[in-house]
C-alpha atoms as a PDB file:
ATOM      1  CA  MET A   1      43.425  63.867  97.480  1.00  0.00           C
ATOM      2  CA  PRO A   2      46.884  63.055  96.791  1.00  0.00           C
ATOM      3  CA  ASN A   3      47.838  60.649  94.208  1.00  0.00           C
ATOM      4  CA  LEU A   4      48.416  57.333  95.672  1.00  0.00           C
ATOM      5  CA  TYR A   5      51.368  56.146  93.324  1.00  0.00           C
ATOM      6  CA  THR A   6      53.422  59.391  94.189  1.00  0.00           C
ATOM      7  CA  GLU A   7      52.778  58.836  97.685  1.00  0.00           C
ATOM      8  CA  PHE A   8      54.117  55.299  97.358  1.00  0.00           C
ATOM      9  CA  LYS A   9      57.149  56.373  95.451  1.00  0.00           C
ATOM     10  CA  LYS A  10      57.983  58.802  98.469  1.00  0.00           C
ATOM     11  CA  LEU A  11      58.430  55.695 100.677  1.00  0.00           C
ATOM     12  CA  ILE A  12      61.126  53.984  98.518  1.00  0.00           C
ATOM     13  CA  PRO A  13      64.542  55.293  99.077  1.00  0.00           C
ATOM     14  CA  ASP A  14      66.473  56.780  96.058  1.00  0.00           C
ATOM     15  CA  ALA A  15      69.404  54.648  94.650  1.00  0.00           C
ATOM     16  CA  PRO A  16      72.690  55.447  96.585  1.00  0.00           C
ATOM     17  CA  LEU A  17      75.327  57.533  94.957  1.00  0.00           C
ATOM     18  CA  LEU A  18      78.541  55.304  94.903  1.00  0.00           C
ATOM     19  CA  VAL A  19      82.187  56.482  93.924  1.00  0.00           C
ATOM     20  CA  GLY A  20      84.893  54.015  92.831  1.00  0.00           C
ATOM     21  CA  ASP A  21      87.842  53.780  90.201  1.00  0.00           C
ATOM     22  CA  VAL A  22      87.467  52.587  86.921  1.00  0.00           C
ATOM     23  CA  ILE A  23      89.510  49.453  86.356  1.00  0.00           C
ATOM     24  CA  THR A  24      88.832  48.550  82.911  1.00  0.00           C
ATOM     25  CA  VAL A  25      86.464  49.891  79.866  1.00  0.00           C
ATOM     26  CA  VAL A  26      84.095  47.121  78.490  1.00  0.00           C
ATOM     27  CA  ASP A  27      81.443  47.283  75.683  1.00  0.00           C
ATOM     28  CA  GLY A  28      79.128  50.087  76.462  1.00  0.00           C
ATOM     29  CA  GLY A  29      80.243  50.853  79.933  1.00  0.00           C
ATOM     30  CA  VAL A  30      83.038  50.330  82.526  1.00  0.00           C
ATOM     31  CA  LEU A  31      84.026  47.976  85.528  1.00  0.00           C
ATOM     32  CA  VAL A  32      84.296  50.251  88.626  1.00  0.00           C
ATOM     33  CA  ARG A  33      85.991  48.908  91.755  1.00  0.00           C
ATOM     34  CA  LEU A  34      84.353  50.395  95.085  1.00  0.00           C
ATOM     35  CA  PRO A  35      86.387  51.305  98.204  1.00  0.00           C
ATOM     36  CA  GLY A  36      85.122  48.042  99.959  1.00  0.00           C
ATOM     37  CA  GLY A  37      86.689  46.097  97.080  1.00  0.00           C
ATOM     38  CA  ALA A  38      83.361  45.264  95.157  1.00  0.00           C
ATOM     39  CA  GLU A  39      83.551  45.580  91.510  1.00  0.00           C
ATOM     40  CA  ILE A  40      80.362  46.722  89.661  1.00  0.00           C
ATOM     41  CA  ARG A  41      79.596  47.141  85.932  1.00  0.00           C
ATOM     42  CA  ALA A  42      78.154  50.574  84.942  1.00  0.00           C
ATOM     43  CA  ARG A  43      76.861  52.191  81.805  1.00  0.00           C
ATOM     44  CA  GLY A  44      78.443  55.289  80.490  1.00  0.00           C
ATOM     45  CA  GLU A  45      82.012  56.490  79.556  1.00  0.00           C
ATOM     46  CA  ALA A  46      85.055  57.131  81.431  1.00  0.00           C
ATOM     47  CA  ALA A  47      88.631  56.529  81.024  1.00  0.00           C
ATOM     48  CA  MET A  48      90.634  53.872  82.814  1.00  0.00           C
ATOM     49  CA  GLY A  49      92.014  54.990  86.199  1.00  0.00           C
ATOM     50  CA  ASP A  50      89.328  57.667  86.604  1.00  0.00           C
ATOM     51  CA  ARG A  51      87.284  58.044  89.795  1.00  0.00           C
ATOM     52  CA  VAL A  52      83.518  58.229  88.941  1.00  0.00           C
ATOM     53  CA  PHE A  53      80.327  58.680  90.578  1.00  0.00           C
ATOM     54  CA  VAL A  54      77.806  55.607  89.915  1.00  0.00           C
ATOM     55  CA  ARG A  55      74.008  55.646  90.649  1.00  0.00           C
ATOM     56  CA  ASP A  56      71.739  52.962  89.561  1.00  0.00           C
ATOM     57  CA  GLY A  57      74.220  51.244  87.420  1.00  0.00           C
ATOM     58  CA  ALA A  58      75.209  54.402  85.381  1.00  0.00           C
ATOM     59  CA  VAL A  59      78.050  56.441  85.374  1.00  0.00           C
ATOM     60  CA  GLU A  60      76.987  60.233  86.565  1.00  0.00           C
ATOM     61  CA  GLY A  61      80.229  61.850  86.140  1.00  0.00           C
ATOM     62  CA  LYS A  62      83.873  62.232  87.180  1.00  0.00           C
ATOM     63  CA  ALA A  63      84.455  62.414  91.099  1.00  0.00           C
ATOM     64  CA  PRO A  64      87.433  64.236  92.728  1.00  0.00           C
ATOM     65  CA  THR A  65      90.677  62.192  93.415  1.00  0.00           C
ATOM     66  CA  LEU A  66      90.636  62.399  97.371  1.00  0.00           C
ATOM     67  CA  PRO A  67      91.779  59.737 100.012  1.00  0.00           C
ATOM     68  CA  VAL A  68      89.075  57.379 100.859  1.00  0.00           C
ATOM     69  CA  VAL A  69      88.108  57.144 104.751  1.00  0.00           C
ATOM     70  CA  GLU A  70      86.040  54.151 105.561  1.00  0.00           C
ATOM     71  CA  ILE A  71      84.213  54.363 108.929  1.00  0.00           C
ATOM     72  CA  ARG A  72      82.628  51.235 110.280  1.00  0.00           C
ATOM     73  CA  VAL A  73      79.424  51.623 112.641  1.00  0.00           C
END
């Protein structure tokens, strides 16, 4: 019989992986501007102007500097 908790966790989606530009460095983290214009605070280290991956409020690493294309559905 499967563990009920693990089966329930499979139903909850993972946090999305976001990409954005670091606009300022604050205590213990950074302020990141997303392509849509929203700004989020994330834990972790990055330099001002870096493009970073952010998931669940934490910087996961540097992202490549590529042009952003936004497609509306």
